[in-house]
Amino acid sequence: MACLSMLNEESGSGSFVVCANPIFVLAEPQWQEGAELTFEVLESDVGSLLSQTGTLKEYALDGQPFWGKLTTLERCVSTHQGLALLRDKPALRGALTIINRV
């Protein structure tokens, strides 16, 4: 389980706000440019991430900042072991393309 946040550009304070929590990362993140961070999240936990598809943003995964672009966020049948008891709940699978590690 992890927490995904994004930079709150409107506040001007440089603070991050949670946009999806918890997320279940499907593979250990590879932080080089062009790598994909894939994850699953319950639809009820997706928060403000839903409106970010295709947008370049500064994100943080458990407090580790990086620039990325949400390339997909689509309904799925969850496969992550952490969601095994919640298979009846609507889930989404997302992919963030890593642009640059901050």
PDB file of N, CA and C in Angstrom:
ATOM      1  N   MET A   1       0.833  -1.177   0.000  1.00  0.00           N
ATOM      2  CA  MET A   1       0.000   0.000   0.000  1.00  0.00           C
ATOM      3  C   MET A   1       0.876   1.238   0.000  1.00  0.00           C
ATOM      4  N   ALA A   2       0.400   2.246  -0.688  1.00  0.00           N
ATOM      5  CA  ALA A   2       1.134   3.504  -0.758  1.00  0.00           C
ATOM      6  C   ALA A   2       0.134   4.647  -0.850  1.00  0.00           C
ATOM      7  N   CYS A   3       0.644   5.836  -0.632  1.00  0.00           N
ATOM      8  CA  CYS A   3      -0.163   7.052  -0.741  1.00  0.00           C
ATOM      9  C   CYS A   3       0.378   7.885  -1.902  1.00  0.00           C
ATOM     10  N   LEU A   4      -0.494   8.298  -2.801  1.00  0.00           N
ATOM     11  CA  LEU A   4      -0.102   9.125  -3.930  1.00  0.00           C
ATOM     12  C   LEU A   4      -0.635  10.539  -3.704  1.00  0.00           C
ATOM     13  N   SER A   5       0.263  11.513  -3.769  1.00  0.00           N
ATOM     14  CA  SER A   5      -0.085  12.921  -3.598  1.00  0.00           C
ATOM     15  C   SER A   5       0.346  13.688  -4.834  1.00  0.00           C
ATOM     16  N   MET A   6      -0.193  14.892  -4.987  1.00  0.00           N
ATOM     17  CA  MET A   6       0.253  15.768  -6.067  1.00  0.00           C
ATOM     18  C   MET A   6       0.416  17.173  -5.523  1.00  0.00           C
ATOM     19  N   LEU A   7       1.287  17.934  -6.171  1.00  0.00           N
ATOM     20  CA  LEU A   7       1.570  19.301  -5.750  1.00  0.00           C
ATOM     21  C   LEU A   7       0.320  20.154  -5.903  1.00  0.00           C
ATOM     22  N   ASN A   8       0.003  20.906  -4.878  1.00  0.00           N
ATOM     23  CA  ASN A   8      -1.138  21.818  -4.905  1.00  0.00           C
ATOM     24  C   ASN A   8      -0.662  23.135  -5.515  1.00  0.00           C
ATOM     25  N   GLU A   9      -0.834  23.290  -6.812  1.00  0.00           N
ATOM     26  CA  GLU A   9      -0.344  24.465  -7.529  1.00  0.00           C
ATOM     27  C   GLU A   9      -1.147  25.713  -7.193  1.00  0.00           C
ATOM     28  N   GLU A  10      -2.379  25.553  -6.785  1.00  0.00           N
ATOM     29  CA  GLU A  10      -3.243  26.700  -6.501  1.00  0.00           C
ATOM     30  C   GLU A  10      -2.848  27.415  -5.219  1.00  0.00           C
ATOM     31  N   SER A  11      -2.295  26.681  -4.259  1.00  0.00           N
ATOM     32  CA  SER A  11      -1.998  27.305  -2.966  1.00  0.00           C
ATOM     33  C   SER A  11      -0.736  28.160  -3.015  1.00  0.00           C
ATOM     34  N   GLY A  12       0.178  27.838  -3.941  1.00  0.00           N
ATOM     35  CA  GLY A  12       1.424  28.579  -4.029  1.00  0.00           C
ATOM     36  C   GLY A  12       2.388  28.275  -2.900  1.00  0.00           C
ATOM     37  N   SER A  13       2.008  27.346  -2.026  1.00  0.00           N
ATOM     38  CA  SER A  13       2.841  27.041  -0.865  1.00  0.00           C
ATOM     39  C   SER A  13       3.806  25.888  -1.096  1.00  0.00           C
ATOM     40  N   GLY A  14       3.680  25.207  -2.214  1.00  0.00           N
ATOM     41  CA  GLY A  14       4.549  24.063  -2.479  1.00  0.00           C
ATOM     42  C   GLY A  14       4.175  22.837  -1.678  1.00  0.00           C
ATOM     43  N   SER A  15       2.941  22.773  -1.202  1.00  0.00           N
ATOM     44  CA  SER A  15       2.513  21.620  -0.417  1.00  0.00           C
ATOM     45  C   SER A  15       1.850  20.577  -1.313  1.00  0.00           C
ATOM     46  N   PHE A  16       1.930  19.335  -0.872  1.00  0.00           N
ATOM     47  CA  PHE A  16       1.311  18.228  -1.590  1.00  0.00           C
ATOM     48  C   PHE A  16      -0.012  17.878  -0.925  1.00  0.00           C
ATOM     49  N   VAL A  17      -0.984  17.467  -1.750  1.00  0.00           N
ATOM     50  CA  VAL A  17      -2.275  17.014  -1.249  1.00  0.00           C
ATOM     51  C   VAL A  17      -2.507  15.588  -1.749  1.00  0.00           C
ATOM     52  N   VAL A  18      -3.125  14.785  -0.918  1.00  0.00           N
ATOM     53  CA  VAL A  18      -3.406  13.391  -1.276  1.00  0.00           C
ATOM     54  C   VAL A  18      -4.400  13.374  -2.430  1.00  0.00           C
ATOM     55  N   CYS A  19      -4.079  12.583  -3.453  1.00  0.00           N
ATOM     56  CA  CYS A  19      -5.000  12.457  -4.585  1.00  0.00           C
ATOM     57  C   CYS A  19      -5.523  11.036  -4.759  1.00  0.00           C
ATOM     58  N   ALA A  20      -4.903  10.040  -4.123  1.00  0.00           N
ATOM     59  CA  ALA A  20      -5.399   8.661  -4.131  1.00  0.00           C
ATOM     60  C   ALA A  20      -4.727   7.909  -2.985  1.00  0.00           C
ATOM     61  N   ASN A  21      -5.561   7.347  -2.110  1.00  0.00           N
ATOM     62  CA  ASN A  21      -5.001   6.661  -0.945  1.00  0.00           C
ATOM     63  C   ASN A  21      -6.018   5.659  -0.402  1.00  0.00           C
ATOM     64  N   PRO A  22      -5.614   4.404  -0.244  1.00  0.00           N
ATOM     65  CA  PRO A  22      -4.320   3.843  -0.607  1.00  0.00           C
ATOM     66  C   PRO A  22      -4.319   3.392  -2.065  1.00  0.00           C
ATOM     67  N   ILE A  23      -3.119   3.350  -2.622  1.00  0.00           N
ATOM     68  CA  ILE A  23      -2.945   2.724  -3.929  1.00  0.00           C
ATOM     69  C   ILE A  23      -2.108   1.469  -3.715  1.00  0.00           C
ATOM     70  N   PHE A  24      -2.250   0.513  -4.612  1.00  0.00           N
ATOM     71  CA  PHE A  24      -1.538  -0.754  -4.530  1.00  0.00           C
ATOM     72  C   PHE A  24      -0.643  -0.855  -5.762  1.00  0.00           C
ATOM     73  N   VAL A  25       0.641  -0.632  -5.556  1.00  0.00           N
ATOM     74  CA  VAL A  25       1.614  -0.623  -6.649  1.00  0.00           C
ATOM     75  C   VAL A  25       1.812  -2.057  -7.137  1.00  0.00           C
ATOM     76  N   LEU A  26       1.745  -2.258  -8.454  1.00  0.00           N
ATOM     77  CA  LEU A  26       1.814  -3.601  -9.031  1.00  0.00           C
ATOM     78  C   LEU A  26       3.234  -4.106  -9.235  1.00  0.00           C
ATOM     79  N   ALA A  27       4.201  -3.204  -9.340  1.00  0.00           N
ATOM     80  CA  ALA A  27       5.602  -3.605  -9.500  1.00  0.00           C
ATOM     81  C   ALA A  27       6.475  -2.532  -8.867  1.00  0.00           C
ATOM     82  N   GLU A  28       7.619  -2.925  -8.381  1.00  0.00           N
ATOM     83  CA  GLU A  28       8.552  -1.969  -7.773  1.00  0.00           C
ATOM     84  C   GLU A  28       8.833  -0.831  -8.753  1.00  0.00           C
ATOM     85  N   PRO A  29       8.672   0.412  -8.308  1.00  0.00           N
ATOM     86  CA  PRO A  29       8.879   1.545  -9.230  1.00  0.00           C
ATOM     87  C   PRO A  29      10.310   1.596  -9.785  1.00  0.00           C
ATOM     88  N   GLN A  30      10.410   1.842 -11.061  1.00  0.00           N
ATOM     89  CA  GLN A  30      11.684   2.110 -11.729  1.00  0.00           C
ATOM     90  C   GLN A  30      11.672   3.606 -11.990  1.00  0.00           C
ATOM     91  N   TRP A  31      12.592   4.314 -11.416  1.00  0.00           N
ATOM     92  CA  TRP A  31      12.505   5.770 -11.409  1.00  0.00           C
ATOM     93  C   TRP A  31      13.168   6.456 -12.594  1.00  0.00           C
ATOM     94  N   GLN A  32      13.616   5.727 -13.611  1.00  0.00           N
ATOM     95  CA  GLN A  32      14.226   6.391 -14.759  1.00  0.00           C
ATOM     96  C   GLN A  32      13.143   6.965 -15.682  1.00  0.00           C
ATOM     97  N   GLU A  33      13.534   7.964 -16.443  1.00  0.00           N
ATOM     98  CA  GLU A  33      12.613   8.637 -17.358  1.00  0.00           C
ATOM     99  C   GLU A  33      11.990   7.635 -18.317  1.00  0.00           C
ATOM    100  N   GLY A  34      10.667   7.729 -18.478  1.00  0.00           N
ATOM    101  CA  GLY A  34       9.939   6.854 -19.390  1.00  0.00           C
ATOM    102  C   GLY A  34       9.396   5.591 -18.751  1.00  0.00           C
ATOM    103  N   ALA A  35       9.835   5.266 -17.535  1.00  0.00           N
ATOM    104  CA  ALA A  35       9.324   4.080 -16.846  1.00  0.00           C
ATOM    105  C   ALA A  35       7.880   4.313 -16.428  1.00  0.00           C
ATOM    106  N   GLU A  36       7.140   3.229 -16.245  1.00  0.00           N
ATOM    107  CA  GLU A  36       5.755   3.339 -15.818  1.00  0.00           C
ATOM    108  C   GLU A  36       5.591   2.837 -14.389  1.00  0.00           C
ATOM    109  N   LEU A  37       4.830   3.569 -13.631  1.00  0.00           N
ATOM    110  CA  LEU A  37       4.424   3.179 -12.292  1.00  0.00           C
ATOM    111  C   LEU A  37       2.978   2.716 -12.427  1.00  0.00           C
ATOM    112  N   THR A  38       2.732   1.416 -12.284  1.00  0.00           N
ATOM    113  CA  THR A  38       1.378   0.890 -12.424  1.00  0.00           C
ATOM    114  C   THR A  38       0.820   0.549 -11.047  1.00  0.00           C
ATOM    115  N   PHE A  39      -0.459   0.783 -10.890  1.00  0.00           N
ATOM    116  CA  PHE A  39      -1.086   0.593  -9.580  1.00  0.00           C
ATOM    117  C   PHE A  39      -2.567   0.309  -9.748  1.00  0.00           C
ATOM    118  N   GLU A  40      -3.160  -0.208  -8.679  1.00  0.00           N
ATOM    119  CA  GLU A  40      -4.601  -0.368  -8.596  1.00  0.00           C
ATOM    120  C   GLU A  40      -5.093   0.418  -7.387  1.00  0.00           C
ATOM    121  N   VAL A  41      -6.317   0.886  -7.483  1.00  0.00           N
ATOM    122  CA  VAL A  41      -6.925   1.669  -6.417  1.00  0.00           C
ATOM    123  C   VAL A  41      -8.429   1.426  -6.470  1.00  0.00           C
ATOM    124  N   LEU A  42      -9.046   1.373  -5.303  1.00  0.00           N
ATOM    125  CA  LEU A  42     -10.499   1.284  -5.297  1.00  0.00           C
ATOM    126  C   LEU A  42     -11.073   2.592  -5.819  1.00  0.00           C
ATOM    127  N   GLU A  43     -12.135   2.488  -6.575  1.00  0.00           N
ATOM    128  CA  GLU A  43     -12.752   3.685  -7.149  1.00  0.00           C
ATOM    129  C   GLU A  43     -13.140   4.683  -6.056  1.00  0.00           C
ATOM    130  N   SER A  44     -13.533   4.191  -4.910  1.00  0.00           N
ATOM    131  CA  SER A  44     -13.934   5.070  -3.809  1.00  0.00           C
ATOM    132  C   SER A  44     -12.747   5.805  -3.171  1.00  0.00           C
ATOM    133  N   ASP A  45     -11.525   5.366  -3.459  1.00  0.00           N
ATOM    134  CA  ASP A  45     -10.322   5.975  -2.877  1.00  0.00           C
ATOM    135  C   ASP A  45      -9.527   6.820  -3.862  1.00  0.00           C
ATOM    136  N   VAL A  46     -10.063   7.046  -5.053  1.00  0.00           N
ATOM    137  CA  VAL A  46      -9.269   7.683  -6.106  1.00  0.00           C
ATOM    138  C   VAL A  46      -9.174   9.200  -5.957  1.00  0.00           C
ATOM    139  N   GLY A  47     -10.094   9.823  -5.264  1.00  0.00           N
ATOM    140  CA  GLY A  47      -9.997  11.262  -5.011  1.00  0.00           C
ATOM    141  C   GLY A  47      -9.847  12.094  -6.276  1.00  0.00           C
ATOM    142  N   SER A  48      -8.997  13.115  -6.203  1.00  0.00           N
ATOM    143  CA  SER A  48      -8.849  14.081  -7.299  1.00  0.00           C
ATOM    144  C   SER A  48      -8.002  13.566  -8.459  1.00  0.00           C
ATOM    145  N   LEU A  49      -7.455  12.370  -8.346  1.00  0.00           N
ATOM    146  CA  LEU A  49      -6.621  11.820  -9.422  1.00  0.00           C
ATOM    147  C   LEU A  49      -7.424  11.590 -10.693  1.00  0.00           C
ATOM    148  N   LEU A  50      -8.690  11.331 -10.551  1.00  0.00           N
ATOM    149  CA  LEU A  50      -9.547  10.989 -11.684  1.00  0.00           C
ATOM    150  C   LEU A  50      -9.503  12.019 -12.804  1.00  0.00           C
ATOM    151  N   SER A  51      -9.340  13.268 -12.481  1.00  0.00           N
ATOM    152  CA  SER A  51      -9.366  14.336 -13.490  1.00  0.00           C
ATOM    153  C   SER A  51      -7.979  14.684 -14.036  1.00  0.00           C
ATOM    154  N   GLN A  52      -6.952  13.911 -13.725  1.00  0.00           N
ATOM    155  CA  GLN A  52      -5.581  14.277 -14.095  1.00  0.00           C
ATOM    156  C   GLN A  52      -5.018  13.525 -15.306  1.00  0.00           C
ATOM    157  N   THR A  53      -5.799  12.679 -15.947  1.00  0.00           N
ATOM    158  CA  THR A  53      -5.297  11.904 -17.086  1.00  0.00           C
ATOM    159  C   THR A  53      -4.726  12.816 -18.164  1.00  0.00           C
ATOM    160  N   GLY A  54      -3.496  12.518 -18.579  1.00  0.00           N
ATOM    161  CA  GLY A  54      -2.829  13.270 -19.638  1.00  0.00           C
ATOM    162  C   GLY A  54      -2.140  14.538 -19.188  1.00  0.00           C
ATOM    163  N   THR A  55      -2.189  14.840 -17.905  1.00  0.00           N
ATOM    164  CA  THR A  55      -1.628  16.081 -17.390  1.00  0.00           C
ATOM    165  C   THR A  55      -0.290  15.840 -16.708  1.00  0.00           C
ATOM    166  N   LEU A  56       0.697  16.649 -17.032  1.00  0.00           N
ATOM    167  CA  LEU A  56       2.007  16.588 -16.378  1.00  0.00           C
ATOM    168  C   LEU A  56       1.892  17.264 -15.015  1.00  0.00           C
ATOM    169  N   LYS A  57       2.260  16.536 -13.968  1.00  0.00           N
ATOM    170  CA  LYS A  57       2.144  17.040 -12.600  1.00  0.00           C
ATOM    171  C   LYS A  57       3.349  16.601 -11.787  1.00  0.00           C
ATOM    172  N   GLU A  58       3.569  17.300 -10.677  1.00  0.00           N
ATOM    173  CA  GLU A  58       4.544  16.828  -9.709  1.00  0.00           C
ATOM    174  C   GLU A  58       3.783  15.998  -8.672  1.00  0.00           C
ATOM    175  N   TYR A  59       4.146  14.718  -8.599  1.00  0.00           N
ATOM    176  CA  TYR A  59       3.516  13.779  -7.682  1.00  0.00           C
ATOM    177  C   TYR A  59       4.504  13.407  -6.585  1.00  0.00           C
ATOM    178  N   ALA A  60       3.988  12.725  -5.576  1.00  0.00           N
ATOM    179  CA  ALA A  60       4.834  12.136  -4.546  1.00  0.00           C
ATOM    180  C   ALA A  60       4.236  10.783  -4.187  1.00  0.00           C
ATOM    181  N   LEU A  61       5.071   9.773  -4.186  1.00  0.00           N
ATOM    182  CA  LEU A  61       4.663   8.434  -3.775  1.00  0.00           C
ATOM    183  C   LEU A  61       5.279   8.189  -2.410  1.00  0.00           C
ATOM    184  N   ASP A  62       4.442   8.106  -1.399  1.00  0.00           N
ATOM    185  CA  ASP A  62       4.903   7.983  -0.008  1.00  0.00           C
ATOM    186  C   ASP A  62       5.982   9.018   0.314  1.00  0.00           C
ATOM    187  N   GLY A  63       5.751  10.249  -0.134  1.00  0.00           N
ATOM    188  CA  GLY A  63       6.647  11.358   0.182  1.00  0.00           C
ATOM    189  C   GLY A  63       7.836  11.528  -0.747  1.00  0.00           C
ATOM    190  N   GLN A  64       8.038  10.624  -1.716  1.00  0.00           N
ATOM    191  CA  GLN A  64       9.143  10.725  -2.668  1.00  0.00           C
ATOM    192  C   GLN A  64       8.647  11.442  -3.929  1.00  0.00           C
ATOM    193  N   PRO A  65       9.070  12.697  -4.158  1.00  0.00           N
ATOM    194  CA  PRO A  65       8.532  13.478  -5.273  1.00  0.00           C
ATOM    195  C   PRO A  65       9.111  13.073  -6.634  1.00  0.00           C
ATOM    196  N   PHE A  66       8.279  13.235  -7.664  1.00  0.00           N
ATOM    197  CA  PHE A  66       8.691  12.986  -9.050  1.00  0.00           C
ATOM    198  C   PHE A  66       7.714  13.691  -9.977  1.00  0.00           C
ATOM    199  N   TRP A  67       8.188  13.982 -11.177  1.00  0.00           N
ATOM    200  CA  TRP A  67       7.322  14.523 -12.225  1.00  0.00           C
ATOM    201  C   TRP A  67       6.780  13.343 -13.013  1.00  0.00           C
ATOM    202  N   GLY A  68       5.484  13.366 -13.294  1.00  0.00           N
ATOM    203  CA  GLY A  68       4.897  12.268 -14.036  1.00  0.00           C
ATOM    204  C   GLY A  68       3.642  12.695 -14.770  1.00  0.00           C
ATOM    205  N   LYS A  69       3.201  11.801 -15.641  1.00  0.00           N
ATOM    206  CA  LYS A  69       1.974  12.032 -16.397  1.00  0.00           C
ATOM    207  C   LYS A  69       1.100  10.792 -16.243  1.00  0.00           C
ATOM    208  N   LEU A  70      -0.115  10.999 -15.765  1.00  0.00           N
ATOM    209  CA  LEU A  70      -1.064   9.898 -15.646  1.00  0.00           C
ATOM    210  C   LEU A  70      -1.539   9.533 -17.049  1.00  0.00           C
ATOM    211  N   THR A  71      -1.123   8.363 -17.526  1.00  0.00           N
ATOM    212  CA  THR A  71      -1.452   7.985 -18.901  1.00  0.00           C
ATOM    213  C   THR A  71      -2.757   7.205 -18.985  1.00  0.00           C
ATOM    214  N   THR A  72      -3.063   6.402 -17.968  1.00  0.00           N
ATOM    215  CA  THR A  72      -4.334   5.673 -17.960  1.00  0.00           C
ATOM    216  C   THR A  72      -4.861   5.566 -16.537  1.00  0.00           C
ATOM    217  N   LEU A  73      -6.166   5.506 -16.441  1.00  0.00           N
ATOM    218  CA  LEU A  73      -6.853   5.218 -15.184  1.00  0.00           C
ATOM    219  C   LEU A  73      -8.199   4.634 -15.598  1.00  0.00           C
ATOM    220  N   GLU A  74      -8.267   3.293 -15.625  1.00  0.00           N
ATOM    221  CA  GLU A  74      -9.431   2.611 -16.186  1.00  0.00           C
ATOM    222  C   GLU A  74      -9.957   1.560 -15.232  1.00  0.00           C
ATOM    223  N   ARG A  75     -11.239   1.295 -15.340  1.00  0.00           N
ATOM    224  CA  ARG A  75     -11.854   0.229 -14.540  1.00  0.00           C
ATOM    225  C   ARG A  75     -11.171  -1.104 -14.827  1.00  0.00           C
ATOM    226  N   CYS A  76     -11.090  -1.923 -13.779  1.00  0.00           N
ATOM    227  CA  CYS A  76     -10.456  -3.229 -13.931  1.00  0.00           C
ATOM    228  C   CYS A  76     -11.018  -4.186 -12.891  1.00  0.00           C
ATOM    229  N   VAL A  77     -10.701  -5.454 -13.065  1.00  0.00           N
ATOM    230  CA  VAL A  77     -10.888  -6.440 -12.019  1.00  0.00           C
ATOM    231  C   VAL A  77      -9.555  -6.489 -11.302  1.00  0.00           C
ATOM    232  N   SER A  78      -9.545  -6.144 -10.030  1.00  0.00           N
ATOM    233  CA  SER A  78      -8.268  -6.033  -9.324  1.00  0.00           C
ATOM    234  C   SER A  78      -7.553  -7.377  -9.263  1.00  0.00           C
ATOM    235  N   THR A  79      -6.226  -7.300  -9.307  1.00  0.00           N
ATOM    236  CA  THR A  79      -5.383  -8.496  -9.234  1.00  0.00           C
ATOM    237  C   THR A  79      -4.407  -8.429  -8.069  1.00  0.00           C
ATOM    238  N   HIS A  80      -4.261  -7.262  -7.454  1.00  0.00           N
ATOM    239  CA  HIS A  80      -3.297  -7.106  -6.363  1.00  0.00           C
ATOM    240  C   HIS A  80      -3.780  -7.888  -5.145  1.00  0.00           C
ATOM    241  N   GLN A  81      -2.855  -8.574  -4.503  1.00  0.00           N
ATOM    242  CA  GLN A  81      -3.174  -9.392  -3.338  1.00  0.00           C
ATOM    243  C   GLN A  81      -3.801  -8.558  -2.216  1.00  0.00           C
ATOM    244  N   GLY A  82      -3.389  -7.308  -2.077  1.00  0.00           N
ATOM    245  CA  GLY A  82      -3.924  -6.437  -1.038  1.00  0.00           C
ATOM    246  C   GLY A  82      -5.397  -6.118  -1.204  1.00  0.00           C
ATOM    247  N   LEU A  83      -5.927  -6.340  -2.394  1.00  0.00           N
ATOM    248  CA  LEU A  83      -7.345  -6.082  -2.652  1.00  0.00           C
ATOM    249  C   LEU A  83      -8.154  -7.373  -2.737  1.00  0.00           C
ATOM    250  N   ALA A  84      -7.564  -8.494  -2.362  1.00  0.00           N
ATOM    251  CA  ALA A  84      -8.199  -9.806  -2.510  1.00  0.00           C
ATOM    252  C   ALA A  84      -9.567  -9.891  -1.837  1.00  0.00           C
ATOM    253  N   LEU A  85      -9.713  -9.319  -0.673  1.00  0.00           N
ATOM    254  CA  LEU A  85     -10.985  -9.390   0.041  1.00  0.00           C
ATOM    255  C   LEU A  85     -11.986  -8.339  -0.426  1.00  0.00           C
ATOM    256  N   LEU A  86     -11.569  -7.495  -1.351  1.00  0.00           N
ATOM    257  CA  LEU A  86     -12.430  -6.423  -1.838  1.00  0.00           C
ATOM    258  C   LEU A  86     -12.726  -6.541  -3.330  1.00  0.00           C
ATOM    259  N   ARG A  87     -12.665  -7.751  -3.866  1.00  0.00           N
ATOM    260  CA  ARG A  87     -12.862  -7.963  -5.311  1.00  0.00           C
ATOM    261  C   ARG A  87     -14.244  -7.516  -5.778  1.00  0.00           C
ATOM    262  N   ASP A  88     -15.216  -7.454  -4.881  1.00  0.00           N
ATOM    263  CA  ASP A  88     -16.561  -7.045  -5.272  1.00  0.00           C
ATOM    264  C   ASP A  88     -16.701  -5.526  -5.398  1.00  0.00           C
ATOM    265  N   LYS A  89     -15.688  -4.778  -4.972  1.00  0.00           N
ATOM    266  CA  LYS A  89     -15.712  -3.307  -5.041  1.00  0.00           C
ATOM    267  C   LYS A  89     -15.134  -2.851  -6.380  1.00  0.00           C
ATOM    268  N   PRO A  90     -15.672  -1.784  -6.975  1.00  0.00           N
ATOM    269  CA  PRO A  90     -15.126  -1.261  -8.233  1.00  0.00           C
ATOM    270  C   PRO A  90     -13.679  -0.772  -8.032  1.00  0.00           C
ATOM    271  N   ALA A  91     -12.815  -1.188  -8.945  1.00  0.00           N
ATOM    272  CA  ALA A  91     -11.397  -0.825  -8.868  1.00  0.00           C
ATOM    273  C   ALA A  91     -10.944  -0.205 -10.185  1.00  0.00           C
ATOM    274  N   LEU A  92      -9.854   0.547 -10.100  1.00  0.00           N
ATOM    275  CA  LEU A  92      -9.245   1.176 -11.271  1.00  0.00           C
ATOM    276  C   LEU A  92      -7.785   0.771 -11.340  1.00  0.00           C
ATOM    277  N   ARG A  93      -7.281   0.619 -12.547  1.00  0.00           N
ATOM    278  CA  ARG A  93      -5.850   0.388 -12.761  1.00  0.00           C
ATOM    279  C   ARG A  93      -5.297   1.624 -13.445  1.00  0.00           C
ATOM    280  N   GLY A  94      -4.218   2.141 -12.897  1.00  0.00           N
ATOM    281  CA  GLY A  94      -3.615   3.355 -13.431  1.00  0.00           C
ATOM    282  C   GLY A  94      -2.167   3.146 -13.808  1.00  0.00           C
ATOM    283  N   ALA A  95      -1.687   4.008 -14.673  1.00  0.00           N
ATOM    284  CA  ALA A  95      -0.275   4.018 -15.063  1.00  0.00           C
ATOM    285  C   ALA A  95       0.198   5.464 -15.111  1.00  0.00           C
ATOM    286  N   LEU A  96       1.267   5.719 -14.389  1.00  0.00           N
ATOM    287  CA  LEU A  96       1.917   7.025 -14.399  1.00  0.00           C
ATOM    288  C   LEU A  96       3.245   6.874 -15.115  1.00  0.00           C
ATOM    289  N   THR A  97       3.496   7.665 -16.139  1.00  0.00           N
ATOM    290  CA  THR A  97       4.783   7.666 -16.808  1.00  0.00           C
ATOM    291  C   THR A  97       5.708   8.609 -16.063  1.00  0.00           C
ATOM    292  N   ILE A  98       6.862   8.098 -15.660  1.00  0.00           N
ATOM    293  CA  ILE A  98       7.838   8.893 -14.922  1.00  0.00           C
ATOM    294  C   ILE A  98       8.537   9.819 -15.917  1.00  0.00           C
ATOM    295  N   ILE A  99       8.544  11.105 -15.616  1.00  0.00           N
ATOM    296  CA  ILE A  99       9.225  12.090 -16.464  1.00  0.00           C
ATOM    297  C   ILE A  99      10.580  12.432 -15.864  1.00  0.00           C
ATOM    298  N   ASN A 100      10.600  12.676 -14.554  1.00  0.00           N
ATOM    299  CA  ASN A 100      11.852  13.070 -13.912  1.00  0.00           C
ATOM    300  C   ASN A 100      11.693  12.916 -12.411  1.00  0.00           C
ATOM    301  N   ARG A 101      12.703  12.409 -11.758  1.00  0.00           N
ATOM    302  CA  ARG A 101      12.676  12.307 -10.293  1.00  0.00           C
ATOM    303  C   ARG A 101      13.209  13.618  -9.728  1.00  0.00           C
ATOM    304  N   VAL A 102      12.515  14.176  -8.768  1.00  0.00           N
ATOM    305  CA  VAL A 102      12.891  15.461  -8.185  1.00  0.00           C
ATOM    306  C   VAL A 102      13.998  15.258  -7.180  1.00  0.00           C
TER     307      VAL A 102
END
